[in-house]
C-alpha atoms as a PDB file:
ATOM      1  CA  MET A   1      85.986  97.178  65.399  1.00  0.00           C
ATOM      2  CA  SER A   2      83.889  94.557  67.228  1.00  0.00           C
ATOM      3  CA  PHE A   3      83.183  90.933  66.346  1.00  0.00           C
ATOM      4  CA  SER A   4      79.932  91.951  64.684  1.00  0.00           C
ATOM      5  CA  SER A   5      81.868  94.310  62.435  1.00  0.00           C
ATOM      6  CA  HIS A   6      83.678  91.292  61.016  1.00  0.00           C
ATOM      7  CA  ASN A   7      80.359  89.618  60.063  1.00  0.00           C
ATOM      8  CA  ASN A   8      81.273  86.678  62.271  1.00  0.00           C
ATOM      9  CA  ASN A   9      78.136  84.516  62.099  1.00  0.00           C
ATOM     10  CA  ASN A  10      79.071  82.699  65.289  1.00  0.00           C
ATOM     11  CA  VAL A  11      79.240  85.797  67.487  1.00  0.00           C
ATOM     12  CA  VAL A  12      76.154  87.951  67.966  1.00  0.00           C
ATOM     13  CA  TYR A  13      76.096  91.338  69.709  1.00  0.00           C
ATOM     14  CA  LYS A  14      72.727  92.715  70.834  1.00  0.00           C
ATOM     15  CA  PRO A  15      72.290  96.090  72.542  1.00  0.00           C
ATOM     16  CA  ALA A  16      71.297  95.837  76.196  1.00  0.00           C
ATOM     17  CA  GLY A  17      69.943  98.647  78.336  1.00  0.00           C
ATOM     18  CA  LEU A  18      73.602  99.467  78.916  1.00  0.00           C
ATOM     19  CA  GLY A  19      76.370  97.750  77.002  1.00  0.00           C
ATOM     20  CA  MET A  20      75.980  94.681  74.818  1.00  0.00           C
ATOM     21  CA  GLU A  21      74.698  91.134  75.193  1.00  0.00           C
ATOM     22  CA  VAL A  22      77.078  88.638  73.596  1.00  0.00           C
ATOM     23  CA  ARG A  23      76.285  85.167  72.309  1.00  0.00           C
ATOM     24  CA  GLY A  24      78.463  82.708  70.447  1.00  0.00           C
ATOM     25  CA  ILE A  25      81.574  82.734  72.643  1.00  0.00           C
ATOM     26  CA  ASP A  26      82.227  79.987  75.191  1.00  0.00           C
ATOM     27  CA  LEU A  27      84.342  81.498  77.951  1.00  0.00           C
ATOM     28  CA  ASN A  28      85.169  78.030  79.266  1.00  0.00           C
ATOM     29  CA  SER A  29      87.005  77.229  76.031  1.00  0.00           C
ATOM     30  CA  ASP A  30      90.531  78.197  75.008  1.00  0.00           C
ATOM     31  CA  LEU A  31      90.149  81.503  73.211  1.00  0.00           C
ATOM     32  CA  SER A  32      92.627  82.926  70.744  1.00  0.00           C
ATOM     33  CA  PRO A  33      94.737  85.961  71.678  1.00  0.00           C
ATOM     34  CA  ASP A  34      92.869  87.976  69.032  1.00  0.00           C
ATOM     35  CA  THR A  35      89.510  87.074  70.579  1.00  0.00           C
ATOM     36  CA  ILE A  36      90.709  88.018  74.053  1.00  0.00           C
ATOM     37  CA  GLU A  37      92.021  91.367  72.818  1.00  0.00           C
ATOM     38  CA  GLN A  38      88.701  92.043  71.074  1.00  0.00           C
ATOM     39  CA  ILE A  39      86.785  91.324  74.292  1.00  0.00           C
ATOM     40  CA  LYS A  40      89.018  93.777  76.143  1.00  0.00           C
ATOM     41  CA  ARG A  41      88.562  96.484  73.499  1.00  0.00           C
ATOM     42  CA  ASP A  42      84.807  95.984  73.397  1.00  0.00           C
ATOM     43  CA  THR A  43      84.503  96.145  77.184  1.00  0.00           C
ATOM     44  CA  LEU A  44      86.033  99.622  77.026  1.00  0.00           C
ATOM     45  CA  LYS A  45      83.920 100.599  74.021  1.00  0.00           C
ATOM     46  CA  TYR A  46      80.541  99.402  75.310  1.00  0.00           C
ATOM     47  CA  ARG A  47      81.354  99.607  79.060  1.00  0.00           C
ATOM     48  CA  MET A  48      79.523  96.346  79.739  1.00  0.00           C
ATOM     49  CA  LEU A  49      79.610  93.003  77.940  1.00  0.00           C
ATOM     50  CA  ILE A  50      76.999  90.479  79.089  1.00  0.00           C
ATOM     51  CA  PHE A  51      77.962  86.985  77.973  1.00  0.00           C
ATOM     52  CA  LYS A  52      74.889  84.775  77.871  1.00  0.00           C
ATOM     53  CA  ASP A  53      74.514  81.027  78.426  1.00  0.00           C
ATOM     54  CA  GLN A  54      77.928  80.384  79.962  1.00  0.00           C
ATOM     55  CA  GLY A  55      76.814  77.622  82.319  1.00  0.00           C
ATOM     56  CA  VAL A  56      79.115  76.985  85.262  1.00  0.00           C
ATOM     57  CA  ILE A  57      82.448  78.810  85.287  1.00  0.00           C
ATOM     58  CA  SER A  58      84.765  77.616  88.039  1.00  0.00           C
ATOM     59  CA  GLY A  59      86.450  80.008  90.428  1.00  0.00           C
ATOM     60  CA  GLU A  60      89.809  79.154  88.898  1.00  0.00           C
ATOM     61  CA  ARG A  61      88.567  79.899  85.381  1.00  0.00           C
ATOM     62  CA  HIS A  62      86.907  83.119  86.566  1.00  0.00           C
ATOM     63  CA  VAL A  63      90.271  84.261  87.893  1.00  0.00           C
ATOM     64  CA  GLN A  64      92.074  83.215  84.695  1.00  0.00           C
ATOM     65  CA  ILE A  65      89.647  85.233  82.584  1.00  0.00           C
ATOM     66  CA  SER A  66      89.885  88.242  84.884  1.00  0.00           C
ATOM     67  CA  LYS A  67      93.667  88.337  84.517  1.00  0.00           C
ATOM     68  CA  TRP A  68      93.189  89.255  80.857  1.00  0.00           C
ATOM     69  CA  PHE A  69      92.426  92.752  82.151  1.00  0.00           C
ATOM     70  CA  GLY A  70      95.279  93.159  84.597  1.00  0.00           C
ATOM     71  CA  GLU A  71      96.308  92.433  88.145  1.00  0.00           C
ATOM     72  CA  ILE A  72      93.598  91.175  90.481  1.00  0.00           C
ATOM     73  CA  GLU A  73      93.051  93.095  93.692  1.00  0.00           C
ATOM     74  CA  SER A  74      90.864  91.615  96.430  1.00  0.00           C
ATOM     75  CA  THR A  75      90.187  93.812  99.436  1.00  0.00           C
ATOM     76  CA  PHE A  76      87.118  92.110 100.831  1.00  0.00           C
ATOM     77  CA  TYR A  77      86.201  89.365 103.260  1.00  0.00           C
ATOM     78  CA  LYS A  78      86.776  85.878 101.883  1.00  0.00           C
ATOM     79  CA  HIS A  79      83.657  83.811 102.488  1.00  0.00           C
ATOM     80  CA  PRO A  80      84.321  80.150 103.359  1.00  0.00           C
ATOM     81  CA  ARG A  81      82.127  79.062 100.435  1.00  0.00           C
ATOM     82  CA  SER A  82      84.064  81.084  97.868  1.00  0.00           C
ATOM     83  CA  PRO A  83      85.464  78.821  95.128  1.00  0.00           C
ATOM     84  CA  HIS A  84      88.772  80.727  95.005  1.00  0.00           C
ATOM     85  CA  PRO A  85      90.626  83.171  97.308  1.00  0.00           C
ATOM     86  CA  GLU A  86      90.346  85.916  94.668  1.00  0.00           C
ATOM     87  CA  VAL A  87      86.587  85.467  94.132  1.00  0.00           C
ATOM     88  CA  PHE A  88      84.226  87.594  96.223  1.00  0.00           C
ATOM     89  CA  ARG A  89      81.049  85.602  96.829  1.00  0.00           C
ATOM     90  CA  VAL A  90      77.761  87.331  97.681  1.00  0.00           C
ATOM     91  CA  SER A  91      74.390  85.830  98.511  1.00  0.00           C
ATOM     92  CA  ASN A  92      71.066  86.360 100.258  1.00  0.00           C
ATOM     93  CA  ASP A  93      72.054  83.492 102.590  1.00  0.00           C
ATOM     94  CA  LYS A  94      74.888  84.226 105.037  1.00  0.00           C
ATOM     95  CA  ASN A  95      75.908  80.564 104.962  1.00  0.00           C
ATOM     96  CA  GLU A  96      76.426  80.769 101.188  1.00  0.00           C
ATOM     97  CA  GLY A  97      78.005  84.193 100.747  1.00  0.00           C
ATOM     98  CA  CYS A  98      78.347  87.736 102.053  1.00  0.00           C
ATOM     99  CA  ARG A  99      75.003  89.471 102.589  1.00  0.00           C
ATOM    100  CA  ASN A 100      73.855  93.070 102.059  1.00  0.00           C
ATOM    101  CA  VAL A 101      76.603  93.707  99.503  1.00  0.00           C
ATOM    102  CA  GLY A 102      76.013  96.697  97.234  1.00  0.00           C
ATOM    103  CA  ARG A 103      73.112  98.026  99.297  1.00  0.00           C
ATOM    104  CA  THR A 104      74.767 101.082 100.853  1.00  0.00           C
ATOM    105  CA  GLY A 105      74.273 103.439  97.920  1.00  0.00           C
ATOM    106  CA  TRP A 106      75.204 104.039  94.299  1.00  0.00           C
ATOM    107  CA  HIS A 107      78.914 103.442  93.902  1.00  0.00           C
ATOM    108  CA  VAL A 108      81.906 102.254  91.949  1.00  0.00           C
ATOM    109  CA  ASP A 109      83.839  99.313  93.347  1.00  0.00           C
ATOM    110  CA  GLY A 110      86.940 100.266  95.301  1.00  0.00           C
ATOM    111  CA  PHE A 111      86.119 103.977  95.362  1.00  0.00           C
ATOM    112  CA  PHE A 112      88.188 104.262  98.561  1.00  0.00           C
ATOM    113  CA  MET A 113      91.366 102.975  96.876  1.00  0.00           C
ATOM    114  CA  LYS A 114      94.085 105.283  95.583  1.00  0.00           C
ATOM    115  CA  ALA A 115      92.873 104.127  92.172  1.00  0.00           C
ATOM    116  CA  PRO A 116      89.389 102.529  92.067  1.00  0.00           C
ATOM    117  CA  PHE A 117      89.183  99.130  90.408  1.00  0.00           C
ATOM    118  CA  ASP A 118      89.514  99.290  86.637  1.00  0.00           C
ATOM    119  CA  PHE A 119      87.095  96.431  85.956  1.00  0.00           C
ATOM    120  CA  SER A 120      84.564  94.324  87.843  1.00  0.00           C
ATOM    121  CA  ILE A 121      83.926  90.873  86.429  1.00  0.00           C
ATOM    122  CA  TYR A 122      80.810  89.006  87.534  1.00  0.00           C
ATOM    123  CA  HIS A 123      79.443  85.475  87.244  1.00  0.00           C
ATOM    124  CA  MET A 124      75.855  84.706  88.275  1.00  0.00           C
ATOM    125  CA  VAL A 125      75.789  81.246  89.833  1.00  0.00           C
ATOM    126  CA  LYS A 126      72.271  81.061  91.284  1.00  0.00           C
ATOM    127  CA  VAL A 127      69.349  83.325  90.396  1.00  0.00           C
ATOM    128  CA  PRO A 128      66.375  83.988  92.702  1.00  0.00           C
ATOM    129  CA  LYS A 129      62.882  84.846  91.489  1.00  0.00           C
ATOM    130  CA  VAL A 130      63.560  88.585  91.889  1.00  0.00           C
ATOM    131  CA  GLY A 131      66.569  90.797  92.503  1.00  0.00           C
ATOM    132  CA  TRP A 132      68.394  93.014  90.052  1.00  0.00           C
ATOM    133  CA  THR A 133      71.573  95.028  89.836  1.00  0.00           C
ATOM    134  CA  ALA A 134      70.924  98.599  88.734  1.00  0.00           C
ATOM    135  CA  PHE A 135      73.563 100.281  86.558  1.00  0.00           C
ATOM    136  CA  ILE A 136      74.077 103.902  85.492  1.00  0.00           C
ATOM    137  CA  GLY A 137      76.322 105.074  82.669  1.00  0.00           C
ATOM    138  CA  PHE A 138      78.254 108.093  83.879  1.00  0.00           C
ATOM    139  CA  LYS A 139      78.443 109.707  80.455  1.00  0.00           C
ATOM    140  CA  GLU A 140      74.654 109.657  80.142  1.00  0.00           C
ATOM    141  CA  LEU A 141      74.268 110.986  83.676  1.00  0.00           C
ATOM    142  CA  LEU A 142      76.674 113.866  83.112  1.00  0.00           C
ATOM    143  CA  ASP A 143      75.176 114.659  79.703  1.00  0.00           C
ATOM    144  CA  SER A 144      71.749 114.958  81.359  1.00  0.00           C
ATOM    145  CA  LEU A 145      72.869 117.751  83.690  1.00  0.00           C
ATOM    146  CA  THR A 146      72.363 121.426  83.075  1.00  0.00           C
ATOM    147  CA  GLU A 147      75.516 123.371  82.275  1.00  0.00           C
ATOM    148  CA  GLU A 148      75.322 124.960  85.725  1.00  0.00           C
ATOM    149  CA  GLN A 149      75.121 121.575  87.469  1.00  0.00           C
ATOM    150  CA  ARG A 150      77.921 120.145  85.374  1.00  0.00           C
ATOM    151  CA  ASP A 151      80.174 123.075  86.312  1.00  0.00           C
ATOM    152  CA  LYS A 152      79.202 122.613  89.953  1.00  0.00           C
ATOM    153  CA  TRP A 153      80.018 118.891  90.005  1.00  0.00           C
ATOM    154  CA  ASN A 154      83.314 119.560  88.252  1.00  0.00           C
ATOM    155  CA  ARG A 155      84.357 121.694  91.226  1.00  0.00           C
ATOM    156  CA  LEU A 156      83.691 118.941  93.772  1.00  0.00           C
ATOM    157  CA  TRP A 157      86.115 116.483  95.312  1.00  0.00           C
ATOM    158  CA  LEU A 158      84.909 113.706  97.581  1.00  0.00           C
ATOM    159  CA  VAL A 159      86.447 112.548 100.831  1.00  0.00           C
ATOM    160  CA  GLY A 160      85.769 108.898 101.534  1.00  0.00           C
ATOM    161  CA  MET A 161      86.910 106.452 104.147  1.00  0.00           C
ATOM    162  CA  ASP A 162      87.066 102.690 104.498  1.00  0.00           C
ATOM    163  CA  GLY A 163      88.232 101.691 107.957  1.00  0.00           C
ATOM    164  CA  LYS A 164      91.388 103.686 108.689  1.00  0.00           C
ATOM    165  CA  LYS A 165      92.086 104.695 105.089  1.00  0.00           C
ATOM    166  CA  SER A 166      90.789 107.923 103.598  1.00  0.00           C
ATOM    167  CA  VAL A 167      90.989 109.249 100.058  1.00  0.00           C
ATOM    168  CA  VAL A 168      90.308 112.495  98.244  1.00  0.00           C
ATOM    169  CA  HIS A 169      89.167 112.078  94.639  1.00  0.00           C
ATOM    170  CA  PRO A 170      87.524 114.329  92.063  1.00  0.00           C
ATOM    171  CA  LEU A 171      83.822 113.559  91.700  1.00  0.00           C
ATOM    172  CA  VAL A 172      84.107 113.992  87.919  1.00  0.00           C
ATOM    173  CA  TYR A 173      87.216 113.224  85.900  1.00  0.00           C
ATOM    174  CA  THR A 174      88.339 111.947  82.497  1.00  0.00           C
ATOM    175  CA  HIS A 175      88.591 108.206  81.879  1.00  0.00           C
ATOM    176  CA  PRO A 176      92.315 107.548  81.307  1.00  0.00           C
ATOM    177  CA  GLU A 177      91.693 105.197  78.366  1.00  0.00           C
ATOM    178  CA  THR A 178      88.468 106.233  76.628  1.00  0.00           C
ATOM    179  CA  LYS A 179      88.825 109.955  77.491  1.00  0.00           C
ATOM    180  CA  LEU A 180      85.098 110.108  78.284  1.00  0.00           C
ATOM    181  CA  PRO A 181      83.803 111.935  81.382  1.00  0.00           C
ATOM    182  CA  VAL A 182      83.297 109.537  84.298  1.00  0.00           C
ATOM    183  CA  MET A 183      82.756 109.687  88.063  1.00  0.00           C
ATOM    184  CA  ASN A 184      84.096 108.218  91.263  1.00  0.00           C
ATOM    185  CA  MET A 185      81.656 107.919  94.137  1.00  0.00           C
ATOM    186  CA  HIS A 186      79.970 105.933  96.852  1.00  0.00           C
ATOM    187  CA  LEU A 187      76.861 107.741  98.015  1.00  0.00           C
ATOM    188  CA  GLY A 188      76.791 105.761 101.249  1.00  0.00           C
ATOM    189  CA  LEU A 189      80.417 106.216 102.283  1.00  0.00           C
ATOM    190  CA  ILE A 190      81.335 109.800 101.435  1.00  0.00           C
ATOM    191  CA  ASP A 191      82.346 111.710 104.569  1.00  0.00           C
ATOM    192  CA  CYS A 192      82.300 115.171 103.014  1.00  0.00           C
ATOM    193  CA  PHE A 193      83.138 117.112  99.869  1.00  0.00           C
ATOM    194  CA  VAL A 194      85.796 119.701  99.114  1.00  0.00           C
ATOM    195  CA  TRP A 195      85.054 122.617  96.816  1.00  0.00           C
ATOM    196  CA  ASP A 196      87.798 123.824  94.468  1.00  0.00           C
ATOM    197  CA  LEU A 197      90.638 121.726  95.857  1.00  0.00           C
ATOM    198  CA  HIS A 198      94.126 123.290  95.713  1.00  0.00           C
ATOM    199  CA  THR A 199      92.771 126.773  95.032  1.00  0.00           C
ATOM    200  CA  GLU A 200      92.170 129.847  97.152  1.00  0.00           C
ATOM    201  CA  LYS A 201      88.465 128.952  97.151  1.00  0.00           C
ATOM    202  CA  GLN A 202      89.061 125.517  98.714  1.00  0.00           C
ATOM    203  CA  ARG A 203      86.377 124.736 101.296  1.00  0.00           C
ATOM    204  CA  VAL A 204      85.185 121.583 103.095  1.00  0.00           C
ATOM    205  CA  THR A 205      81.440 120.969 103.299  1.00  0.00           C
ATOM    206  CA  ASP A 206      79.733 120.604 106.646  1.00  0.00           C
ATOM    207  CA  GLU A 207      77.303 117.770 107.390  1.00  0.00           C
ATOM    208  CA  GLU A 208      74.237 119.633 106.162  1.00  0.00           C
ATOM    209  CA  GLU A 209      75.810 120.621 102.848  1.00  0.00           C
ATOM    210  CA  THR A 210      77.297 117.144 102.388  1.00  0.00           C
ATOM    211  CA  LEU A 211      73.883 115.519 102.791  1.00  0.00           C
ATOM    212  CA  ALA A 212      72.335 118.033 100.394  1.00  0.00           C
ATOM    213  CA  LEU A 213      74.947 117.245  97.728  1.00  0.00           C
ATOM    214  CA  LEU A 214      74.499 113.496  98.187  1.00  0.00           C
ATOM    215  CA  LYS A 215      70.737 113.912  97.779  1.00  0.00           C
ATOM    216  CA  GLU A 216      71.290 116.017  94.662  1.00  0.00           C
ATOM    217  CA  ILE A 217      73.493 113.373  93.037  1.00  0.00           C
ATOM    218  CA  HIS A 218      71.020 110.630  93.936  1.00  0.00           C
ATOM    219  CA  HIS A 219      68.143 112.673  92.538  1.00  0.00           C
ATOM    220  CA  GLU A 220      69.938 113.153  89.223  1.00  0.00           C
ATOM    221  CA  ILE A 221      70.531 109.395  88.984  1.00  0.00           C
ATOM    222  CA  VAL A 222      66.899 108.393  89.603  1.00  0.00           C
ATOM    223  CA  LYS A 223      65.142 111.375  87.971  1.00  0.00           C
ATOM    224  CA  ASP A 224      62.493 111.064  85.274  1.00  0.00           C
ATOM    225  CA  ASP A 225      61.251 107.687  86.537  1.00  0.00           C
ATOM    226  CA  GLU A 226      64.771 106.270  86.491  1.00  0.00           C
ATOM    227  CA  ARG A 227      65.095 106.649  82.726  1.00  0.00           C
ATOM    228  CA  LEU A 228      68.911 106.689  82.948  1.00  0.00           C
ATOM    229  CA  ILE A 229      69.059 103.452  84.952  1.00  0.00           C
ATOM    230  CA  TYR A 230      69.481  99.981  83.501  1.00  0.00           C
ATOM    231  CA  LYS A 231      68.189  97.266  85.838  1.00  0.00           C
ATOM    232  CA  HIS A 232      69.877  94.056  84.842  1.00  0.00           C
ATOM    233  CA  ASN A 233      67.646  91.035  85.346  1.00  0.00           C
ATOM    234  CA  TRP A 234      70.240  88.330  85.902  1.00  0.00           C
ATOM    235  CA  GLN A 235      70.047  84.915  84.299  1.00  0.00           C
ATOM    236  CA  GLU A 236      71.883  81.913  85.637  1.00  0.00           C
ATOM    237  CA  GLY A 237      75.264  81.387  84.005  1.00  0.00           C
ATOM    238  CA  GLU A 238      75.731  84.963  82.799  1.00  0.00           C
ATOM    239  CA  PHE A 239      79.245  86.372  82.852  1.00  0.00           C
ATOM    240  CA  VAL A 240      79.619  90.150  82.802  1.00  0.00           C
ATOM    241  CA  PHE A 241      82.624  92.362  82.107  1.00  0.00           C
ATOM    242  CA  SER A 242      82.102  95.902  83.426  1.00  0.00           C
ATOM    243  CA  ASP A 243      84.317  98.972  83.094  1.00  0.00           C
ATOM    244  CA  ASN A 244      84.076 100.014  86.728  1.00  0.00           C
ATOM    245  CA  ARG A 245      85.256 103.558  85.998  1.00  0.00           C
ATOM    246  CA  ALA A 246      82.529 104.234  83.455  1.00  0.00           C
ATOM    247  CA  VAL A 247      79.537 102.611  85.166  1.00  0.00           C
ATOM    248  CA  GLY A 248      78.072 103.000  88.648  1.00  0.00           C
ATOM    249  CA  HIS A 249      75.818 100.416  90.236  1.00  0.00           C
ATOM    250  CA  GLU A 250      73.675  99.449  93.197  1.00  0.00           C
ATOM    251  CA  ALA A 251      72.005  96.181  94.181  1.00  0.00           C
ATOM    252  CA  THR A 252      68.225  96.518  94.419  1.00  0.00           C
ATOM    253  CA  PRO A 253      66.495  95.775  97.761  1.00  0.00           C
ATOM    254  CA  GLU A 254      65.019  92.541  96.402  1.00  0.00           C
ATOM    255  CA  THR A 255      68.490  90.977  96.274  1.00  0.00           C
ATOM    256  CA  GLN A 256      68.312  90.540 100.044  1.00  0.00           C
ATOM    257  CA  LEU A 257      64.911  88.871 100.276  1.00  0.00           C
ATOM    258  CA  PRO A 258      65.064  85.546 102.155  1.00  0.00           C
ATOM    259  CA  VAL A 259      65.759  82.284 100.375  1.00  0.00           C
ATOM    260  CA  SER A 260      62.443  80.911 101.635  1.00  0.00           C
ATOM    261  CA  GLU A 261      60.632  83.659  99.733  1.00  0.00           C
ATOM    262  CA  VAL A 262      62.546  84.072  96.461  1.00  0.00           C
ATOM    263  CA  GLY A 263      65.149  81.309  96.295  1.00  0.00           C
ATOM    264  CA  LEU A 264      68.929  81.322  96.572  1.00  0.00           C
ATOM    265  CA  ARG A 265      71.071  84.076  95.042  1.00  0.00           C
ATOM    266  CA  ILE A 266      74.810  83.567  94.510  1.00  0.00           C
ATOM    267  CA  LEU A 267      77.004  86.022  92.609  1.00  0.00           C
ATOM    268  CA  HIS A 268      80.772  85.789  92.144  1.00  0.00           C
ATOM    269  CA  ARG A 269      82.909  88.864  91.479  1.00  0.00           C
ATOM    270  CA  VAL A 270      86.567  89.486  90.712  1.00  0.00           C
ATOM    271  CA  THR A 271      88.013  93.013  90.660  1.00  0.00           C
ATOM    272  CA  ILE A 272      90.969  94.345  88.677  1.00  0.00           C
ATOM    273  CA  ALA A 273      93.372  96.760  90.353  1.00  0.00           C
ATOM    274  CA  GLY A 274      93.241 100.355  89.217  1.00  0.00           C
ATOM    275  CA  LYS A 275      96.368 101.586  87.484  1.00  0.00           C
ATOM    276  CA  ILE A 276      95.763 105.344  87.359  1.00  0.00           C
ATOM    277  CA  ALA A 277      94.248 107.407  90.164  1.00  0.00           C
ATOM    278  CA  PRO A 278      91.379 109.759  89.238  1.00  0.00           C
ATOM    279  CA  SER A 279      92.841 113.134  88.388  1.00  0.00           C
ATOM    280  CA  LYS A 280      91.862 116.493  86.956  1.00  0.00           C
ATOM    281  CA  ALA A 281      95.176 116.699  85.099  1.00  0.00           C
END
């Protein structure tokens, strides 16, 4: 049951392209335990909650809020301009934040970890004239496949690497909390796939087959004039809770246009450690 189900006149939920826009809650204020628990439940239910008109949220407060969801895990470069050691700061200006983040392909955050991040929690500090983040709901993507394709993807495991670490994860698995079908992937950092892992039919794809599978997945994401994709047009001060296991994303090319052309972009992100590794069990 969400806030709107309680007929709370102060809290308004409005469907977004994916998830819900939320108005009437000030994340800078002291929120009751019941309110915090409802936010957590609704993030799982809707997969994304987009809190509007939040103004400036400090790095310290961003981290405090993020801890509602679990233990923070930061695996990325700490930019000198970051407001907190646990806040990943990205920008289209290298002096303000890390550049070219999210531009290497559709992905979930931390796909290379033993357990990908459970949640990604964003705060938009500065908004340029253009530049979106594109999101895809994995349930909708999988539901759009033919039965033959769905069976095919269910047989695939991905092999990914970040530096010296490598992982093997199922491409499709069941969300440990919502029990919905979800995916783990990074279309720019998958080394190869394995068919039918731990069976007599187990086989590793060669480079040609790997590229063909990556193109197939990308095609299914962007098919039909990108009807499955939600391009979020950021507004300054927005604060977004995203279930990282249920939603894939990619930054659009415009996010890297120069400051002189579109203005400054600054986005803060905190990631929550995954608790359960993707599994077919």
